[in-house]
N, C-alpha and C. Protein backbone atom coordinates (compact mmCIF):
# COMPACT_ATOMS: atom_id res chain seq x y z
N MET A 1 -27.27 -14.99 6.77
CA MET A 1 -26.11 -14.29 6.25
C MET A 1 -25.85 -14.81 4.82
N LYS A 2 -25.67 -13.87 3.93
CA LYS A 2 -25.37 -14.23 2.53
C LYS A 2 -23.87 -14.48 2.41
N ILE A 3 -23.51 -15.61 1.83
CA ILE A 3 -22.11 -15.93 1.57
C ILE A 3 -21.74 -15.40 0.19
N LEU A 4 -20.71 -14.58 0.16
CA LEU A 4 -20.25 -13.99 -1.10
C LEU A 4 -19.12 -14.81 -1.71
N LYS A 5 -18.99 -14.72 -3.03
CA LYS A 5 -17.95 -15.44 -3.75
C LYS A 5 -17.08 -14.45 -4.49
N VAL A 6 -15.87 -14.88 -4.84
CA VAL A 6 -15.00 -14.08 -5.68
C VAL A 6 -15.75 -13.79 -6.99
N GLY A 7 -15.77 -12.51 -7.37
CA GLY A 7 -16.45 -12.11 -8.60
C GLY A 7 -17.84 -11.54 -8.38
N ASP A 8 -18.44 -11.77 -7.18
CA ASP A 8 -19.74 -11.16 -6.88
C ASP A 8 -19.60 -9.64 -6.89
N THR A 9 -20.68 -8.94 -7.20
CA THR A 9 -20.64 -7.48 -7.25
C THR A 9 -21.75 -6.88 -6.41
N THR A 10 -21.54 -5.64 -6.01
CA THR A 10 -22.54 -4.86 -5.27
C THR A 10 -22.20 -3.39 -5.43
N LYS A 11 -22.95 -2.53 -4.78
CA LYS A 11 -22.62 -1.11 -4.72
C LYS A 11 -22.28 -0.80 -3.27
N ALA A 12 -21.30 0.08 -3.06
CA ALA A 12 -20.91 0.46 -1.70
C ALA A 12 -20.30 1.86 -1.73
N ALA A 13 -20.29 2.50 -0.56
CA ALA A 13 -19.68 3.82 -0.43
C ALA A 13 -18.16 3.68 -0.44
N CYS A 14 -17.52 4.40 -1.32
CA CYS A 14 -16.05 4.38 -1.41
C CYS A 14 -15.53 5.67 -0.80
N ASN A 15 -14.70 5.55 0.24
CA ASN A 15 -14.12 6.73 0.88
C ASN A 15 -13.17 7.48 -0.04
N SER A 16 -12.46 6.76 -0.89
CA SER A 16 -11.52 7.41 -1.81
C SER A 16 -12.25 8.22 -2.88
N CYS A 17 -13.29 7.62 -3.46
CA CYS A 17 -14.04 8.29 -4.52
C CYS A 17 -15.07 9.28 -3.96
N LYS A 18 -15.39 9.13 -2.68
CA LYS A 18 -16.40 9.97 -2.02
C LYS A 18 -17.77 9.84 -2.68
N SER A 19 -18.08 8.60 -3.11
CA SER A 19 -19.38 8.35 -3.72
C SER A 19 -19.66 6.84 -3.70
N PHE A 20 -20.89 6.48 -4.03
CA PHE A 20 -21.23 5.06 -4.16
C PHE A 20 -20.66 4.57 -5.49
N GLN A 21 -20.02 3.41 -5.45
CA GLN A 21 -19.39 2.85 -6.64
C GLN A 21 -19.73 1.37 -6.77
N ASP A 22 -19.55 0.83 -7.96
CA ASP A 22 -19.65 -0.62 -8.16
C ASP A 22 -18.44 -1.27 -7.49
N VAL A 23 -18.69 -2.37 -6.81
CA VAL A 23 -17.66 -3.08 -6.05
C VAL A 23 -17.65 -4.54 -6.49
N THR A 24 -16.46 -5.09 -6.66
CA THR A 24 -16.30 -6.50 -7.00
C THR A 24 -15.52 -7.19 -5.88
N PHE A 25 -15.98 -8.36 -5.45
CA PHE A 25 -15.31 -9.09 -4.38
C PHE A 25 -14.14 -9.89 -4.94
N GLN A 26 -12.98 -9.72 -4.28
CA GLN A 26 -11.74 -10.35 -4.71
C GLN A 26 -10.96 -10.83 -3.49
N LEU A 27 -10.05 -11.77 -3.72
CA LEU A 27 -9.10 -12.15 -2.68
C LEU A 27 -7.93 -11.19 -2.78
N ARG A 28 -7.54 -10.64 -1.65
CA ARG A 28 -6.49 -9.61 -1.67
C ARG A 28 -5.77 -9.57 -0.33
N ASP A 29 -4.48 -9.23 -0.36
CA ASP A 29 -3.74 -8.93 0.86
C ASP A 29 -4.15 -7.52 1.28
N THR A 30 -4.71 -7.40 2.50
CA THR A 30 -5.30 -6.14 2.94
C THR A 30 -4.65 -5.67 4.23
N PRO A 31 -4.11 -4.45 4.24
CA PRO A 31 -3.50 -3.93 5.48
C PRO A 31 -4.57 -3.45 6.46
N PHE A 32 -4.23 -3.51 7.75
CA PHE A 32 -5.09 -2.92 8.77
C PHE A 32 -5.04 -1.41 8.62
N ASN A 33 -6.10 -0.73 9.01
CA ASN A 33 -6.17 0.73 8.90
C ASN A 33 -5.04 1.43 9.64
N ASP A 34 -4.61 0.85 10.76
CA ASP A 34 -3.57 1.50 11.57
C ASP A 34 -2.16 1.16 11.11
N GLY A 35 -2.06 0.37 10.03
CA GLY A 35 -0.75 0.03 9.50
C GLY A 35 0.01 -1.01 10.30
N SER A 36 -0.66 -1.69 11.23
CA SER A 36 0.03 -2.62 12.13
C SER A 36 0.22 -4.01 11.56
N GLY A 37 -0.32 -4.28 10.38
CA GLY A 37 -0.15 -5.60 9.81
C GLY A 37 -0.99 -5.78 8.57
N ILE A 38 -0.95 -6.98 8.02
CA ILE A 38 -1.67 -7.30 6.79
C ILE A 38 -2.40 -8.63 6.97
N VAL A 39 -3.63 -8.68 6.47
CA VAL A 39 -4.35 -9.94 6.40
C VAL A 39 -4.17 -10.44 4.98
N LYS A 40 -3.61 -11.62 4.84
CA LYS A 40 -3.28 -12.14 3.50
C LYS A 40 -4.44 -12.94 2.92
N ASN A 41 -4.66 -12.71 1.63
CA ASN A 41 -5.58 -13.52 0.85
C ASN A 41 -6.98 -13.59 1.47
N VAL A 42 -7.56 -12.45 1.77
CA VAL A 42 -8.89 -12.39 2.38
C VAL A 42 -9.89 -11.81 1.38
N LEU A 43 -11.14 -12.28 1.44
CA LEU A 43 -12.17 -11.79 0.54
C LEU A 43 -12.60 -10.39 0.97
N VAL A 44 -12.48 -9.43 0.04
CA VAL A 44 -12.88 -8.04 0.30
C VAL A 44 -13.57 -7.48 -0.93
N GLY A 45 -14.37 -6.42 -0.72
CA GLY A 45 -15.00 -5.71 -1.82
C GLY A 45 -14.08 -4.60 -2.28
N VAL A 46 -13.76 -4.58 -3.58
CA VAL A 46 -12.81 -3.63 -4.14
C VAL A 46 -13.56 -2.68 -5.08
N CYS A 47 -13.33 -1.39 -4.92
CA CYS A 47 -13.95 -0.37 -5.77
C CYS A 47 -13.49 -0.55 -7.22
N ASN A 48 -14.45 -0.64 -8.13
CA ASN A 48 -14.11 -0.80 -9.54
C ASN A 48 -13.48 0.47 -10.13
N ALA A 49 -13.74 1.63 -9.51
CA ALA A 49 -13.22 2.89 -10.05
C ALA A 49 -11.79 3.17 -9.61
N CYS A 50 -11.49 2.97 -8.32
CA CYS A 50 -10.16 3.36 -7.81
C CYS A 50 -9.32 2.20 -7.29
N ASP A 51 -9.88 1.00 -7.25
CA ASP A 51 -9.17 -0.21 -6.83
C ASP A 51 -8.83 -0.24 -5.33
N SER A 52 -9.54 0.55 -4.53
CA SER A 52 -9.30 0.49 -3.08
C SER A 52 -10.31 -0.44 -2.41
N VAL A 53 -9.91 -1.02 -1.27
CA VAL A 53 -10.78 -1.91 -0.51
C VAL A 53 -11.84 -1.06 0.18
N VAL A 54 -13.12 -1.40 -0.06
CA VAL A 54 -14.20 -0.63 0.54
C VAL A 54 -15.12 -1.46 1.44
N VAL A 55 -15.10 -2.77 1.28
CA VAL A 55 -16.02 -3.62 2.04
C VAL A 55 -15.28 -4.85 2.55
N LEU A 56 -15.49 -5.16 3.83
CA LEU A 56 -15.04 -6.43 4.40
C LEU A 56 -16.30 -7.22 4.73
N PRO A 57 -16.60 -8.27 3.95
CA PRO A 57 -17.83 -9.02 4.24
C PRO A 57 -17.73 -9.77 5.57
N HIS A 58 -18.88 -10.00 6.15
CA HIS A 58 -18.94 -10.65 7.47
C HIS A 58 -18.21 -11.99 7.46
N GLN A 59 -18.27 -12.72 6.38
CA GLN A 59 -17.63 -14.04 6.32
C GLN A 59 -16.11 -13.96 6.44
N SER A 60 -15.52 -12.78 6.22
CA SER A 60 -14.06 -12.61 6.31
C SER A 60 -13.59 -12.24 7.71
N THR A 61 -14.50 -11.92 8.62
CA THR A 61 -14.07 -11.48 9.96
C THR A 61 -13.31 -12.53 10.75
N PRO A 62 -13.63 -13.85 10.65
CA PRO A 62 -12.81 -14.81 11.40
C PRO A 62 -11.33 -14.80 10.98
N VAL A 63 -11.05 -14.60 9.69
CA VAL A 63 -9.67 -14.55 9.21
C VAL A 63 -8.97 -13.31 9.77
N VAL A 64 -9.69 -12.19 9.78
CA VAL A 64 -9.13 -10.94 10.31
C VAL A 64 -8.86 -11.09 11.81
N LYS A 65 -9.81 -11.67 12.53
CA LYS A 65 -9.63 -11.88 13.98
C LYS A 65 -8.42 -12.76 14.27
N LYS A 66 -8.25 -13.79 13.45
CA LYS A 66 -7.10 -14.70 13.64
C LYS A 66 -5.79 -13.92 13.48
N GLN A 67 -5.72 -13.06 12.47
CA GLN A 67 -4.51 -12.26 12.25
C GLN A 67 -4.28 -11.28 13.40
N LEU A 68 -5.36 -10.67 13.88
CA LEU A 68 -5.24 -9.75 15.02
C LEU A 68 -4.73 -10.48 16.26
N GLU A 69 -5.22 -11.70 16.46
CA GLU A 69 -4.80 -12.49 17.62
C GLU A 69 -3.30 -12.79 17.56
N LYS A 70 -2.78 -13.03 16.36
CA LYS A 70 -1.34 -13.29 16.19
C LYS A 70 -0.52 -12.07 16.60
N GLN A 71 -1.09 -10.88 16.40
CA GLN A 71 -0.36 -9.66 16.71
C GLN A 71 -0.33 -9.35 18.21
N ARG A 72 -1.19 -10.00 18.95
CA ARG A 72 -1.22 -9.75 20.38
C ARG A 72 -0.02 -10.44 21.02
N LYS A 73 0.92 -9.65 21.47
CA LYS A 73 2.14 -10.18 22.07
C LYS A 73 1.84 -10.66 23.49
N SER A 74 2.52 -11.73 23.87
CA SER A 74 2.37 -12.28 25.20
C SER A 74 3.50 -11.80 26.09
N LEU A 75 3.16 -11.46 27.31
CA LEU A 75 4.13 -11.01 28.30
C LEU A 75 3.93 -11.86 29.55
N GLU A 76 4.97 -12.55 29.97
CA GLU A 76 4.86 -13.41 31.14
C GLU A 76 6.02 -13.17 32.09
N SER A 77 5.71 -13.29 33.38
CA SER A 77 6.74 -13.15 34.39
C SER A 77 6.29 -13.84 35.67
N ARG A 78 7.28 -14.22 36.46
CA ARG A 78 6.96 -14.84 37.75
C ARG A 78 7.15 -13.81 38.85
N VAL A 79 6.19 -13.78 39.78
CA VAL A 79 6.21 -12.82 40.88
C VAL A 79 5.85 -13.55 42.17
N PRO A 80 6.13 -12.91 43.32
CA PRO A 80 5.71 -13.51 44.58
C PRO A 80 4.18 -13.69 44.63
N ALA A 81 3.73 -14.72 45.32
CA ALA A 81 2.31 -15.07 45.38
C ALA A 81 1.44 -13.94 45.90
N HIS A 82 1.97 -13.15 46.85
CA HIS A 82 1.14 -12.09 47.42
C HIS A 82 0.81 -10.99 46.40
N MET A 83 1.58 -10.91 45.32
CA MET A 83 1.27 -9.92 44.28
C MET A 83 0.01 -10.32 43.51
N ILE A 84 -0.16 -11.60 43.29
CA ILE A 84 -1.39 -12.08 42.65
C ILE A 84 -2.57 -11.84 43.59
N ASP A 85 -2.34 -12.02 44.90
CA ASP A 85 -3.39 -11.73 45.88
C ASP A 85 -3.80 -10.26 45.83
N ILE A 86 -2.82 -9.36 45.69
CA ILE A 86 -3.11 -7.92 45.58
C ILE A 86 -4.00 -7.67 44.37
N LEU A 87 -3.63 -8.26 43.24
CA LEU A 87 -4.42 -8.07 42.02
C LEU A 87 -5.83 -8.63 42.15
N ASN A 88 -5.95 -9.80 42.77
CA ASN A 88 -7.28 -10.40 42.98
C ASN A 88 -8.13 -9.53 43.92
N LEU A 89 -7.51 -8.98 44.96
CA LEU A 89 -8.23 -8.09 45.87
C LEU A 89 -8.66 -6.80 45.16
N ALA A 90 -7.79 -6.26 44.33
CA ALA A 90 -8.14 -5.04 43.58
C ALA A 90 -9.32 -5.31 42.65
N SER A 91 -9.29 -6.44 41.97
CA SER A 91 -10.39 -6.79 41.08
C SER A 91 -11.68 -6.99 41.86
N ASP A 92 -11.58 -7.65 43.01
CA ASP A 92 -12.74 -7.86 43.86
C ASP A 92 -13.32 -6.52 44.34
N LYS A 93 -12.45 -5.59 44.70
CA LYS A 93 -12.89 -4.27 45.16
C LYS A 93 -13.69 -3.55 44.07
N LEU A 94 -13.29 -3.78 42.81
CA LEU A 94 -13.99 -3.15 41.69
C LEU A 94 -15.29 -3.88 41.33
N GLY A 95 -15.49 -5.07 41.93
CA GLY A 95 -16.68 -5.85 41.65
C GLY A 95 -16.47 -6.91 40.59
N GLY A 96 -15.20 -7.16 40.26
CA GLY A 96 -14.88 -8.15 39.24
C GLY A 96 -14.31 -9.41 39.84
N GLY A 97 -14.07 -10.37 39.00
CA GLY A 97 -13.45 -11.61 39.43
C GLY A 97 -12.01 -11.66 39.00
N THR A 98 -11.41 -12.82 39.17
CA THR A 98 -9.99 -12.97 38.81
C THR A 98 -9.76 -12.78 37.31
N GLU A 99 -10.81 -12.98 36.50
CA GLU A 99 -10.64 -12.82 35.05
C GLU A 99 -10.42 -11.36 34.65
N PHE A 100 -10.70 -10.41 35.56
CA PHE A 100 -10.53 -8.98 35.24
C PHE A 100 -9.12 -8.48 35.59
N VAL A 101 -8.33 -9.30 36.27
CA VAL A 101 -6.99 -8.90 36.72
C VAL A 101 -6.11 -8.43 35.58
N SER A 102 -6.09 -9.16 34.46
CA SER A 102 -5.22 -8.76 33.35
C SER A 102 -5.65 -7.41 32.78
N ASN A 103 -6.94 -7.11 32.81
CA ASN A 103 -7.41 -5.80 32.34
C ASN A 103 -6.90 -4.68 33.23
N ILE A 104 -6.85 -4.92 34.53
CA ILE A 104 -6.33 -3.91 35.45
C ILE A 104 -4.86 -3.65 35.15
N MET A 105 -4.10 -4.73 34.99
CA MET A 105 -2.67 -4.59 34.68
C MET A 105 -2.46 -3.83 33.36
N LYS A 106 -3.20 -4.22 32.32
CA LYS A 106 -3.04 -3.56 31.02
C LYS A 106 -3.47 -2.10 31.09
N TYR A 107 -4.52 -1.82 31.84
CA TYR A 107 -4.95 -0.42 32.01
C TYR A 107 -3.83 0.40 32.64
N TYR A 108 -3.22 -0.13 33.70
CA TYR A 108 -2.15 0.62 34.38
C TYR A 108 -0.91 0.77 33.50
N ILE A 109 -0.53 -0.28 32.81
CA ILE A 109 0.64 -0.18 31.93
C ILE A 109 0.38 0.88 30.86
N HIS A 110 -0.80 0.86 30.28
CA HIS A 110 -1.16 1.84 29.25
C HIS A 110 -1.19 3.26 29.83
N ALA A 111 -1.88 3.42 30.95
CA ALA A 111 -2.03 4.75 31.53
C ALA A 111 -0.69 5.32 32.01
N LEU A 112 0.16 4.49 32.58
CA LEU A 112 1.48 4.95 33.03
C LEU A 112 2.38 5.30 31.85
N SER A 113 2.37 4.48 30.81
CA SER A 113 3.25 4.73 29.66
C SER A 113 2.80 5.93 28.84
N ASN A 114 1.54 6.33 28.97
CA ASN A 114 1.00 7.47 28.24
C ASN A 114 0.76 8.69 29.13
N ASN A 115 1.31 8.63 30.35
CA ASN A 115 1.20 9.74 31.32
C ASN A 115 -0.24 10.11 31.69
N LYS A 116 -1.15 9.15 31.58
CA LYS A 116 -2.52 9.36 32.07
C LYS A 116 -2.53 9.20 33.59
N ILE A 117 -1.60 8.39 34.07
CA ILE A 117 -1.32 8.25 35.51
C ILE A 117 0.16 8.57 35.65
N SER A 118 0.49 9.37 36.63
CA SER A 118 1.88 9.79 36.80
C SER A 118 2.78 8.61 37.16
N SER A 119 3.92 8.55 36.48
CA SER A 119 4.91 7.51 36.77
C SER A 119 6.06 8.06 37.63
N ASN A 120 5.92 9.31 38.06
CA ASN A 120 6.97 9.93 38.88
C ASN A 120 7.22 9.12 40.14
N ASN A 121 8.46 8.75 40.33
CA ASN A 121 8.92 8.10 41.56
C ASN A 121 8.27 6.75 41.85
N ILE A 122 7.67 6.09 40.85
CA ILE A 122 7.04 4.81 41.17
C ILE A 122 8.06 3.69 41.33
N SER A 123 9.28 3.91 40.88
CA SER A 123 10.29 2.86 41.08
C SER A 123 10.60 2.68 42.57
N ARG A 124 10.16 3.62 43.41
CA ARG A 124 10.34 3.50 44.86
C ARG A 124 9.65 2.24 45.40
N PHE A 125 8.62 1.77 44.70
CA PHE A 125 7.90 0.58 45.17
C PHE A 125 8.81 -0.65 45.21
N LEU A 126 9.86 -0.67 44.39
CA LEU A 126 10.79 -1.80 44.40
C LEU A 126 11.55 -1.92 45.71
N LYS A 127 11.63 -0.82 46.46
CA LYS A 127 12.35 -0.83 47.74
C LYS A 127 11.45 -1.23 48.91
N SER A 128 10.17 -1.40 48.65
CA SER A 128 9.25 -1.74 49.74
C SER A 128 9.33 -3.23 50.07
N ASP A 129 8.87 -3.58 51.24
CA ASP A 129 8.86 -4.96 51.69
C ASP A 129 8.00 -5.84 50.77
N LEU A 130 6.91 -5.26 50.24
CA LEU A 130 6.01 -6.03 49.37
C LEU A 130 6.66 -6.42 48.04
N ALA A 131 7.76 -5.78 47.68
CA ALA A 131 8.44 -6.11 46.42
C ALA A 131 9.30 -7.36 46.55
N THR A 132 9.48 -7.85 47.76
CA THR A 132 10.34 -9.01 47.97
C THR A 132 9.51 -10.28 48.10
N GLY A 133 10.18 -11.40 47.97
CA GLY A 133 9.54 -12.70 48.12
C GLY A 133 9.92 -13.61 46.98
N VAL A 134 9.71 -14.90 47.21
CA VAL A 134 10.04 -15.91 46.21
C VAL A 134 9.01 -15.84 45.09
N ALA A 135 9.47 -15.83 43.86
CA ALA A 135 8.59 -15.76 42.69
C ALA A 135 7.95 -17.13 42.47
N GLN A 136 6.71 -17.28 42.93
CA GLN A 136 6.04 -18.57 42.87
C GLN A 136 4.84 -18.59 41.92
N LYS A 137 4.36 -17.41 41.53
CA LYS A 137 3.17 -17.35 40.68
C LYS A 137 3.49 -16.59 39.40
N ARG A 138 2.65 -16.81 38.40
CA ARG A 138 2.90 -16.25 37.08
C ARG A 138 1.87 -15.19 36.73
N ILE A 139 2.36 -14.07 36.18
CA ILE A 139 1.48 -13.07 35.57
C ILE A 139 1.62 -13.26 34.07
N SER A 140 0.50 -13.39 33.39
CA SER A 140 0.50 -13.55 31.94
C SER A 140 -0.45 -12.54 31.34
N LEU A 141 0.06 -11.71 30.44
CA LEU A 141 -0.73 -10.67 29.80
C LEU A 141 -0.57 -10.77 28.29
N LYS A 142 -1.63 -10.42 27.57
CA LYS A 142 -1.57 -10.37 26.11
C LYS A 142 -2.19 -9.07 25.67
N GLY A 143 -1.56 -8.44 24.69
CA GLY A 143 -2.10 -7.20 24.16
C GLY A 143 -1.38 -6.80 22.90
N ARG A 144 -2.07 -6.08 22.05
CA ARG A 144 -1.52 -5.69 20.77
C ARG A 144 -0.39 -4.69 20.91
N TYR A 145 -0.53 -3.76 21.84
CA TYR A 145 0.49 -2.72 22.03
C TYR A 145 1.25 -2.88 23.34
N LEU A 146 1.01 -3.97 24.03
CA LEU A 146 1.57 -4.19 25.35
C LEU A 146 3.09 -4.15 25.35
N GLU A 147 3.73 -4.83 24.41
CA GLU A 147 5.19 -4.88 24.38
C GLU A 147 5.79 -3.48 24.21
N GLU A 148 5.22 -2.70 23.30
CA GLU A 148 5.71 -1.33 23.08
C GLU A 148 5.55 -0.48 24.34
N GLU A 149 4.39 -0.61 24.99
CA GLU A 149 4.13 0.20 26.18
C GLU A 149 5.04 -0.21 27.33
N VAL A 150 5.33 -1.50 27.45
CA VAL A 150 6.24 -1.97 28.50
C VAL A 150 7.65 -1.42 28.26
N ILE A 151 8.12 -1.48 27.02
CA ILE A 151 9.45 -0.94 26.70
C ILE A 151 9.51 0.55 27.01
N LEU A 152 8.49 1.28 26.60
CA LEU A 152 8.44 2.72 26.86
C LEU A 152 8.43 3.02 28.35
N LEU A 153 7.62 2.29 29.10
CA LEU A 153 7.53 2.52 30.54
C LEU A 153 8.84 2.17 31.25
N LYS A 154 9.50 1.10 30.82
CA LYS A 154 10.79 0.74 31.41
C LYS A 154 11.81 1.86 31.20
N GLU A 155 11.79 2.47 30.02
CA GLU A 155 12.69 3.59 29.75
C GLU A 155 12.33 4.81 30.61
N MET A 156 11.04 5.07 30.73
CA MET A 156 10.57 6.25 31.47
C MET A 156 10.99 6.20 32.94
N ILE A 157 10.85 5.00 33.54
CA ILE A 157 11.14 4.91 34.98
C ILE A 157 12.51 4.30 35.26
N GLU A 158 13.25 4.05 34.16
CA GLU A 158 14.63 3.56 34.26
C GLU A 158 14.74 2.25 35.03
N VAL A 159 13.95 1.27 34.56
CA VAL A 159 13.98 -0.08 35.11
C VAL A 159 14.30 -1.01 33.95
N GLU A 160 15.25 -1.91 34.14
CA GLU A 160 15.65 -2.80 33.05
C GLU A 160 14.84 -4.09 32.99
N SER A 161 14.47 -4.62 34.13
CA SER A 161 13.80 -5.92 34.19
C SER A 161 12.28 -5.78 34.04
N THR A 162 11.72 -6.62 33.16
CA THR A 162 10.27 -6.64 32.99
C THR A 162 9.59 -7.12 34.26
N THR A 163 10.20 -8.08 34.95
CA THR A 163 9.64 -8.55 36.22
C THR A 163 9.59 -7.43 37.24
N ASP A 164 10.66 -6.64 37.33
CA ASP A 164 10.65 -5.50 38.25
C ASP A 164 9.58 -4.50 37.86
N LEU A 165 9.41 -4.27 36.57
CA LEU A 165 8.36 -3.35 36.12
C LEU A 165 6.98 -3.85 36.54
N LEU A 166 6.72 -5.13 36.34
CA LEU A 166 5.42 -5.68 36.71
C LEU A 166 5.20 -5.60 38.21
N LYS A 167 6.25 -5.81 39.00
CA LYS A 167 6.12 -5.64 40.46
C LYS A 167 5.74 -4.21 40.79
N ILE A 168 6.39 -3.26 40.14
CA ILE A 168 6.09 -1.84 40.38
C ILE A 168 4.63 -1.55 40.03
N VAL A 169 4.17 -2.06 38.91
CA VAL A 169 2.78 -1.82 38.49
C VAL A 169 1.81 -2.42 39.50
N VAL A 170 2.08 -3.65 39.95
CA VAL A 170 1.21 -4.28 40.95
C VAL A 170 1.18 -3.44 42.22
N LEU A 171 2.32 -2.97 42.65
CA LEU A 171 2.37 -2.19 43.90
C LEU A 171 1.76 -0.80 43.71
N LYS A 172 1.80 -0.26 42.52
CA LYS A 172 1.09 0.99 42.22
C LYS A 172 -0.41 0.75 42.28
N ILE A 173 -0.87 -0.36 41.75
CA ILE A 173 -2.28 -0.74 41.82
C ILE A 173 -2.70 -0.87 43.29
N ASN A 174 -1.87 -1.53 44.08
CA ASN A 174 -2.14 -1.68 45.51
C ASN A 174 -2.28 -0.30 46.17
N ASP A 175 -1.33 0.59 45.87
CA ASP A 175 -1.34 1.93 46.47
C ASP A 175 -2.59 2.72 46.04
N ASP A 176 -2.92 2.67 44.76
CA ASP A 176 -4.05 3.45 44.24
C ASP A 176 -5.41 2.88 44.64
N LEU A 177 -5.58 1.57 44.48
CA LEU A 177 -6.91 0.98 44.64
C LEU A 177 -7.21 0.47 46.04
N LEU A 178 -6.21 -0.08 46.71
CA LEU A 178 -6.46 -0.70 48.01
C LEU A 178 -6.06 0.19 49.19
N VAL A 179 -4.93 0.87 49.09
CA VAL A 179 -4.45 1.67 50.22
C VAL A 179 -5.09 3.05 50.23
N ASN A 180 -4.95 3.80 49.14
CA ASN A 180 -5.44 5.19 49.10
C ASN A 180 -6.81 5.35 48.45
N GLU A 181 -7.32 4.30 47.83
CA GLU A 181 -8.64 4.28 47.19
C GLU A 181 -8.87 5.52 46.32
N ARG A 182 -7.97 5.74 45.36
CA ARG A 182 -8.08 6.89 44.45
C ARG A 182 -9.27 6.70 43.52
N GLN A 183 -10.15 7.67 43.53
CA GLN A 183 -11.43 7.53 42.83
C GLN A 183 -11.31 7.57 41.30
N LYS A 184 -10.35 8.32 40.77
CA LYS A 184 -10.25 8.41 39.31
C LYS A 184 -9.95 7.05 38.68
N PRO A 185 -8.87 6.35 39.08
CA PRO A 185 -8.65 5.04 38.45
C PRO A 185 -9.73 4.03 38.81
N ILE A 186 -10.27 4.11 40.02
CA ILE A 186 -11.35 3.18 40.40
C ILE A 186 -12.55 3.39 39.47
N GLY A 187 -12.93 4.63 39.24
CA GLY A 187 -14.06 4.92 38.36
C GLY A 187 -13.82 4.47 36.93
N GLN A 188 -12.61 4.74 36.42
CA GLN A 188 -12.30 4.34 35.04
C GLN A 188 -12.29 2.83 34.88
N LEU A 189 -11.72 2.14 35.86
CA LEU A 189 -11.69 0.67 35.79
C LEU A 189 -13.09 0.08 35.92
N LYS A 190 -13.95 0.68 36.73
CA LYS A 190 -15.33 0.19 36.84
C LYS A 190 -16.06 0.37 35.51
N ASN A 191 -15.78 1.46 34.82
CA ASN A 191 -16.39 1.68 33.49
C ASN A 191 -15.91 0.64 32.49
N ILE A 192 -14.60 0.35 32.53
CA ILE A 192 -14.05 -0.68 31.64
C ILE A 192 -14.68 -2.03 31.94
N MET A 193 -14.80 -2.33 33.23
CA MET A 193 -15.38 -3.62 33.63
C MET A 193 -16.83 -3.71 33.16
N ALA A 194 -17.58 -2.63 33.31
CA ALA A 194 -18.98 -2.64 32.89
C ALA A 194 -19.11 -2.89 31.39
N ALA A 195 -18.13 -2.41 30.64
CA ALA A 195 -18.19 -2.56 29.18
C ALA A 195 -17.65 -3.90 28.69
N THR A 196 -16.84 -4.58 29.50
CA THR A 196 -16.18 -5.79 29.01
C THR A 196 -16.61 -7.08 29.69
N VAL A 197 -17.18 -7.01 30.86
CA VAL A 197 -17.51 -8.25 31.58
C VAL A 197 -18.97 -8.59 31.42
């Protein structure tokens, strides 16, 4: 891998100019494409014609990854121990281990908050016997959009407590994957597992 320095030049395709342009490497505060944040003082290739960032050299990716990691919000809650058992059983059914549990939870939170899986009447799970018990174990999730999706889902199903929401999601997972064995979410989760594990 070639290490680039401030002031080095090359040619690169510029999306703004719609052509190959001379590029000079500079330290610059650079926003993410989705507008979700900025990486400060990172080495990038800047178009000499229009002054837009056109190249992120490989040596700058650790700095970008570090900034992305900071944006991943953490969500933690305590739940009854049998809820962790449900998640472990669901992961096992899909052919994964306990390390895949957080992916199942994030998949369901995302799919429910975006109406890919119906959230109609899922708050009924809070009234089931499985929703009760002493909160002895911890669910910990991290994700870039997780906090927004949790807030949206709480509004959609009219639940105030994040812990109650997580219980509902766990019991929805139980209903879909273990009790009724719904093939659509099982298939999608197996695809995700194949791509990530």
